[in-house]
């Protein structure tokens, strides 16, 4: 039978055993956490990937020479046609009018806009005498299908303001920008298209003659006409309803402004 340890030595042994038990517990706990953590991380990562995949994949805001701003929009396919007498074409959703798309004229859609203060817009290549990129308000076009995929006018479906305007009426570009009224003369020709983003153009699609004091001007075209008739003015004919060719080009010298 061994002799009992002296009091001070016995206490040191007890302290050592206690510390040993604490260290053993900490190691086991750490190993347990290490075993759990790898299993938890993949579930979080998969959850994040799922959420990202479910979000709409928006095209970033872009701009470029002769291609204009693309607001937040989603890529969208389809072959459409303009479904009103004259669908207004804009350089951007709820932007500057750049011409008109006659009923039955095709639009090869490449983008669909986020909602704007004037609704949704379909963007892409527009045929007919407009013959360029642009945006048409949903409700003034109709779809043949939404599956045809097109490359032209993507990812840009419009034109920069600086590509089309020499001077504007100064409105900031919201739905309230419906032109500035002025005292216009009668019997000036209103045209549906002019292709203002290009030099060397002439007006096309004569629609009607003006009546006195019914126009609101929005901008002067950047380029003069190839036929020597000078610059044109984008105006809104207040006597005409939307969809009937209410945004038109008129010869600036005829208007006297």
Protein backbone atom coordinates (compact mmCIF):
# COMPACT_ATOMS: atom_id res chain seq x y z
CA UNK A 1 0.00 0.00 0.00
CA UNK A 2 1.52 3.30 -1.15
CA UNK A 3 2.00 6.18 1.16
CA UNK A 4 -0.38 9.16 0.80
CA UNK A 5 1.04 12.17 -1.03
CA UNK A 6 1.88 15.23 0.96
CA UNK A 7 -0.87 17.90 0.85
CA UNK A 8 0.83 20.44 -1.54
CA UNK A 9 1.93 17.72 -4.00
CA UNK A 10 -1.53 16.12 -3.99
CA UNK A 11 -3.11 19.47 -4.95
CA UNK A 12 -0.67 19.93 -7.87
CA UNK A 13 -1.59 16.47 -9.23
CA UNK A 14 -5.32 17.26 -8.98
CA UNK A 15 -4.82 20.59 -10.83
CA UNK A 16 -2.86 18.84 -13.58
CA UNK A 17 -5.62 16.25 -14.07
CA UNK A 18 -8.28 19.00 -14.31
CA UNK A 19 -6.33 20.91 -16.94
CA UNK A 20 -5.87 17.69 -18.92
CA UNK A 21 -9.63 17.06 -18.94
CA UNK A 22 -10.29 20.67 -20.17
CA UNK A 23 -7.79 20.31 -23.02
CA UNK A 24 -9.32 16.98 -24.06
CA UNK A 25 -12.81 18.49 -24.14
CA UNK A 26 -11.65 21.49 -26.25
CA UNK A 27 -9.97 19.22 -28.81
CA UNK A 28 -13.08 17.06 -29.13
CA UNK A 29 -15.31 20.13 -29.52
CA UNK A 30 -13.04 21.57 -32.19
CA UNK A 31 -13.04 18.29 -34.10
CA UNK A 32 -16.82 18.17 -33.90
CA UNK A 33 -17.16 21.70 -35.32
CA UNK A 34 -14.69 20.92 -38.07
CA UNK A 35 -16.75 17.88 -39.02
CA UNK A 36 -20.00 19.90 -39.16
CA UNK A 37 -18.72 23.03 -40.96
CA UNK A 38 -17.87 21.44 -44.34
CA UNK A 39 -21.33 19.93 -44.52
CA UNK A 40 -23.01 23.29 -43.80
CA UNK A 41 -21.09 25.39 -46.37
CA UNK A 42 -22.30 23.67 -49.55
CA UNK A 43 -25.94 24.09 -48.56
CA UNK A 44 -25.49 27.87 -48.19
CA UNK A 45 -23.61 28.13 -51.48
CA UNK A 46 -26.27 26.13 -53.32
CA UNK A 47 -28.97 28.29 -51.82
CA UNK A 48 -27.24 31.48 -53.03
CA UNK A 49 -26.74 30.03 -56.51
CA UNK A 50 -30.42 29.13 -56.68
CA UNK A 51 -31.48 32.64 -55.69
CA UNK A 52 -29.16 34.22 -58.24
CA UNK A 53 -30.45 31.91 -60.95
CA UNK A 54 -34.04 32.87 -60.13
CA UNK A 55 -33.39 36.62 -60.45
CA UNK A 56 -33.98 38.33 -63.82
CA UNK A 57 -30.67 38.68 -65.63
CA UNK A 58 -30.63 42.35 -66.57
CA UNK A 59 -28.48 43.79 -69.31
CA UNK A 60 -26.26 46.58 -67.92
CA UNK A 61 -26.68 50.20 -68.92
CA UNK A 62 -24.57 50.69 -72.01
CA UNK A 63 -23.89 53.36 -74.58
CA UNK A 64 -21.80 53.58 -77.67
CA UNK A 65 -21.23 55.54 -80.85
CA UNK A 66 -24.40 55.55 -82.96
CA UNK A 67 -26.05 52.93 -80.83
CA UNK A 68 -27.46 54.89 -77.94
CA UNK A 69 -28.39 54.08 -74.39
CA UNK A 70 -29.79 50.74 -73.39
CA UNK A 71 -31.65 51.13 -70.11
CA UNK A 72 -32.12 48.20 -67.78
CA UNK A 73 -33.67 45.60 -70.05
CA UNK A 74 -33.85 41.87 -70.50
CA UNK A 75 -32.87 40.12 -73.72
CA UNK A 76 -36.07 39.14 -75.53
CA UNK A 77 -36.72 37.26 -78.77
CA UNK A 78 -39.49 37.46 -81.28
CA UNK A 79 -40.78 38.76 -84.59
CA UNK A 80 -43.33 41.53 -84.18
CA UNK A 81 -45.25 43.93 -86.38
CA UNK A 82 -46.46 47.44 -85.70
CA UNK A 83 -50.18 47.22 -85.03
CA UNK A 84 -51.40 50.83 -85.14
CA UNK A 85 -51.50 53.23 -88.09
CA UNK A 86 -48.21 54.86 -87.10
CA UNK A 87 -46.39 53.51 -84.03
CA UNK A 88 -43.99 56.09 -82.59
CA UNK A 89 -40.39 54.89 -82.47
CA UNK A 90 -38.07 56.27 -79.78
CA UNK A 91 -34.31 56.33 -79.26
CA UNK A 92 -34.82 54.76 -75.81
CA UNK A 93 -37.79 53.63 -73.72
CA UNK A 94 -39.81 56.78 -73.02
CA UNK A 95 -37.16 58.72 -74.94
CA UNK A 96 -36.99 61.07 -77.93
CA UNK A 97 -39.20 60.19 -80.89
CA UNK A 98 -37.02 59.24 -83.86
CA UNK A 99 -39.64 58.27 -86.42
CA UNK A 100 -42.66 56.08 -87.08
CA UNK A 101 -43.38 52.45 -87.86
CA UNK A 102 -46.27 51.94 -90.28
CA UNK A 103 -48.88 49.28 -89.50
CA UNK A 104 -47.69 45.84 -90.59
CA UNK A 105 -43.99 46.79 -90.60
CA UNK A 106 -41.77 44.23 -88.89
CA UNK A 107 -39.78 44.60 -85.69
CA UNK A 108 -37.10 42.04 -84.87
CA UNK A 109 -37.12 42.24 -81.08
CA UNK A 110 -33.86 41.84 -79.16
CA UNK A 111 -34.69 43.55 -75.84
CA UNK A 112 -37.65 44.29 -73.61
CA UNK A 113 -37.42 47.24 -71.24
CA UNK A 114 -38.08 47.44 -67.56
CA UNK A 115 -41.24 49.47 -66.82
CA UNK A 116 -40.89 53.21 -67.50
CA UNK A 117 -43.13 56.16 -66.71
CA UNK A 118 -44.92 55.41 -70.01
CA UNK A 119 -44.98 51.62 -69.78
CA UNK A 120 -42.91 48.80 -71.32
CA UNK A 121 -41.08 48.97 -74.64
CA UNK A 122 -39.86 46.43 -77.19
CA UNK A 123 -36.47 47.24 -78.70
CA UNK A 124 -34.78 45.94 -81.82
CA UNK A 125 -34.43 46.38 -85.56
CA UNK A 126 -37.36 48.14 -87.23
CA UNK A 127 -37.92 47.81 -90.98
CA UNK A 128 -39.81 49.93 -93.50
CA UNK A 129 -38.73 53.51 -94.19
CA UNK A 130 -37.58 53.82 -90.57
CA UNK A 131 -34.87 51.21 -91.24
CA UNK A 132 -32.92 51.31 -88.01
CA UNK A 133 -32.79 50.45 -84.32
CA UNK A 134 -35.45 51.73 -81.97
CA UNK A 135 -37.98 51.16 -79.23
CA UNK A 136 -41.76 50.80 -79.65
CA UNK A 137 -44.28 50.98 -76.84
CA UNK A 138 -45.90 47.67 -75.92
CA UNK A 139 -49.49 47.92 -77.09
CA UNK A 140 -48.58 49.47 -80.43
CA UNK A 141 -47.02 46.22 -81.69
CA UNK A 142 -48.11 42.59 -81.83
CA UNK A 143 -46.14 39.35 -81.95
CA UNK A 144 -45.98 36.78 -84.73
CA UNK A 145 -43.90 34.74 -82.29
CA UNK A 146 -41.59 35.21 -79.32
CA UNK A 147 -39.01 32.60 -80.32
CA UNK A 148 -37.12 34.00 -83.32
CA UNK A 149 -33.67 35.13 -82.23
CA UNK A 150 -32.08 38.18 -83.87
CA UNK A 151 -28.61 39.71 -83.62
CA UNK A 152 -28.97 43.20 -85.14
CA UNK A 153 -29.64 46.05 -82.70
CA UNK A 154 -28.31 44.06 -79.73
CA UNK A 155 -27.23 44.98 -77.12
CA UNK A 156 -27.95 48.53 -78.32
CA UNK A 157 -31.45 49.21 -79.60
CA UNK A 158 -31.44 52.97 -80.05
CA UNK A 159 -29.34 56.10 -80.54
CA UNK A 160 -27.73 58.67 -78.31
CA UNK A 161 -29.45 62.04 -78.03
CA UNK A 162 -26.28 63.64 -79.42
CA UNK A 163 -26.63 61.50 -82.57
CA UNK A 164 -30.05 62.89 -83.46
CA UNK A 165 -30.46 66.39 -82.03
CA UNK A 166 -28.88 69.76 -82.72
CA UNK A 167 -31.01 71.50 -80.11
CA UNK A 168 -33.91 70.43 -77.89
CA UNK A 169 -36.67 72.37 -76.17
CA UNK A 170 -34.84 71.78 -72.89
CA UNK A 171 -37.25 69.33 -71.27
CA UNK A 172 -35.44 66.76 -69.12
CA UNK A 173 -36.81 63.60 -70.75
CA UNK A 174 -39.80 62.31 -68.77
CA UNK A 175 -43.32 61.54 -69.97
CA UNK A 176 -44.19 65.21 -69.36
CA UNK A 177 -41.84 66.16 -72.21
CA UNK A 178 -44.50 66.39 -74.89
CA UNK A 179 -43.00 69.32 -76.77
CA UNK A 180 -43.15 73.11 -76.42
CA UNK A 181 -46.08 74.84 -78.15
CA UNK A 182 -45.36 77.64 -80.61
CA UNK A 183 -47.27 79.62 -83.24
CA UNK A 184 -46.74 77.49 -86.32
CA UNK A 185 -48.00 78.28 -89.81
CA UNK A 186 -50.42 76.11 -91.76
CA UNK A 187 -49.71 73.93 -94.82
CA UNK A 188 -46.25 72.65 -93.89
CA UNK A 189 -45.77 68.99 -94.78
CA UNK A 190 -45.58 66.50 -91.90
CA UNK A 191 -43.39 63.43 -92.51
CA UNK A 192 -43.34 60.15 -90.63
CA UNK A 193 -39.61 59.46 -91.04
CA UNK A 194 -36.31 61.22 -91.58
CA UNK A 195 -33.67 58.88 -90.00
CA UNK A 196 -32.14 61.72 -87.95
CA UNK A 197 -29.15 59.68 -86.69
CA UNK A 198 -27.64 59.68 -90.20
CA UNK A 199 -26.38 62.40 -92.51
CA UNK A 200 -27.43 62.53 -96.16
CA UNK A 201 -31.08 61.65 -95.56
CA UNK A 202 -34.37 63.00 -96.92
CA UNK A 203 -37.81 62.91 -95.32
CA UNK A 204 -40.15 60.05 -96.23
CA UNK A 205 -43.73 59.00 -95.49
CA UNK A 206 -45.67 62.25 -95.96
CA UNK A 207 -48.69 62.03 -93.66
CA UNK A 208 -50.57 65.36 -93.69
CA UNK A 209 -50.22 69.14 -93.81
CA UNK A 210 -50.07 71.23 -90.65
CA UNK A 211 -52.86 73.39 -89.38
CA UNK A 212 -52.01 76.69 -87.73
CA UNK A 213 -50.93 76.75 -84.08
CA UNK A 214 -51.31 73.06 -83.36
CA UNK A 215 -47.67 71.97 -83.02
CA UNK A 216 -45.25 71.54 -80.12
CA UNK A 217 -41.58 71.29 -81.03
CA UNK A 218 -39.17 68.84 -79.36
CA UNK A 219 -35.84 69.06 -81.22
CA UNK A 220 -34.04 70.24 -84.35
CA UNK A 221 -32.37 67.45 -86.30
CA UNK A 222 -28.59 67.27 -86.16
CA UNK A 223 -28.22 66.88 -89.93
CA UNK A 224 -29.67 68.85 -92.83
CA UNK A 225 -31.45 67.00 -95.63
CA UNK A 226 -29.56 65.80 -98.67
CA UNK A 227 -32.03 67.52 -101.03
CA UNK A 228 -31.09 70.99 -99.79
CA UNK A 229 -34.29 71.55 -97.80
CA UNK A 230 -32.31 72.13 -94.60
CA UNK A 231 -32.92 70.84 -91.12
CA UNK A 232 -36.14 69.31 -89.87
CA UNK A 233 -37.95 69.64 -86.56
CA UNK A 234 -39.48 66.81 -84.56
CA UNK A 235 -42.89 68.09 -83.49
CA UNK A 236 -46.01 66.74 -81.83
CA UNK A 237 -49.22 67.51 -83.67
CA UNK A 238 -51.66 68.19 -80.87
CA UNK A 239 -54.62 67.61 -83.20
CA UNK A 240 -53.62 63.97 -83.68
CA UNK A 241 -54.02 61.02 -81.32
CA UNK A 242 -51.19 58.72 -80.35
CA UNK A 243 -50.80 55.93 -82.89
CA UNK A 244 -51.94 58.08 -85.82
CA UNK A 245 -48.61 59.78 -86.47
CA UNK A 246 -48.71 62.54 -83.89
CA UNK A 247 -44.89 62.80 -83.65
CA UNK A 248 -43.63 63.91 -87.07
CA UNK A 249 -40.84 65.78 -88.88
CA UNK A 250 -41.50 69.18 -90.44
CA UNK A 251 -39.11 71.35 -92.45
CA UNK A 252 -37.63 73.94 -90.11
CA UNK A 253 -37.64 76.76 -92.66
CA UNK A 254 -41.37 76.24 -93.27
CA UNK A 255 -42.05 76.59 -89.56
CA UNK A 256 -39.92 79.71 -89.26
CA UNK A 257 -38.16 78.71 -86.04
